[in-house]
Amino acid sequence: MPDYTAEDVLRKCDELNVRFVHLQFSDILGVTKNVAIPVDQVEKALDGQLLFDGSSIHGFVRIEESDMLLKADPATFAVFPWKANDKGGSTARLICDVLNPDGTPFDGCPRTCLKRVLAEASEMGYTMYAGPEAEFFLFHLDEDGRPTTRTHDQGSYFDLSPVDLGEAARRDMVLALEEMGFEVEASHHEVAPGQHEIDFMYADALKTADNIATFRLVVRTIAMRHNFHATFMPKP
């Protein structure tokens, strides 16, 4: 992904006809949350001036301390491929740090915690890189669109179609990831029935953490479009 500046983001929003931007952040359990804003509010988000209610997020603050701020990181700007030019406009996302009302970093923000540890490592002369091996399972949905306990196939390691029934979904996941700036190295069926793996290029720890959050969103979204439910549980 390019290292966009705030000015780059504003220009790209105009060039790509972005109408809405999802401001994403994580709770202390690693669950991705978001606030969707019209594009004319993006500059405020980039300046760290966008308020949200933190009292409803696990591990954040109490109701009487609910006002918190989101500060968008311009380097994380990307357009959702499945929402490009949707109804006359595109939808983008920015990953955010959570701030206290006075603009100081919020200690409970996982991204801020990682930044703090990386800064400590840097002072010791270290730079941390991470390369995940991202795996997931695909399950069938029932007639009401709810996940079942039936895996979508009975394939095994490195199987291919017609045994690997997730090939088309996995292909669309890879294409979406590439459109969002990922360098995908490989994808294949894993050992267990319904289990898949998509490998992408390693990066510094902060970028990899952002990439994992993006990866999970992309996989779940594309799986749903193929009438599957994706889970990242190790042994569901």
Foldseek 3Di string as FASTA:
>chain_A
DAQDDLVRLLVVCVVQQAQKEWAWFAALVRAIDTDIDGPVCSVCQQVFNDWDFCCVGPPADNNVQGTKTWHFRRRQKFWQPVQRCPVNGTYIYTYTFIGGPVRHGGPRGPLVVVVVVQVVVVVVVDFAKDWDWAKKFKAAADPVLHGDPHGPAADAWQDDPPRPVCVVLVVVLVVRLVNRPWAWDDKGAHGGRRMITTTTDMDTPSVVSVSVNVSVVSSQVSSVVVRIGMDRPPPD
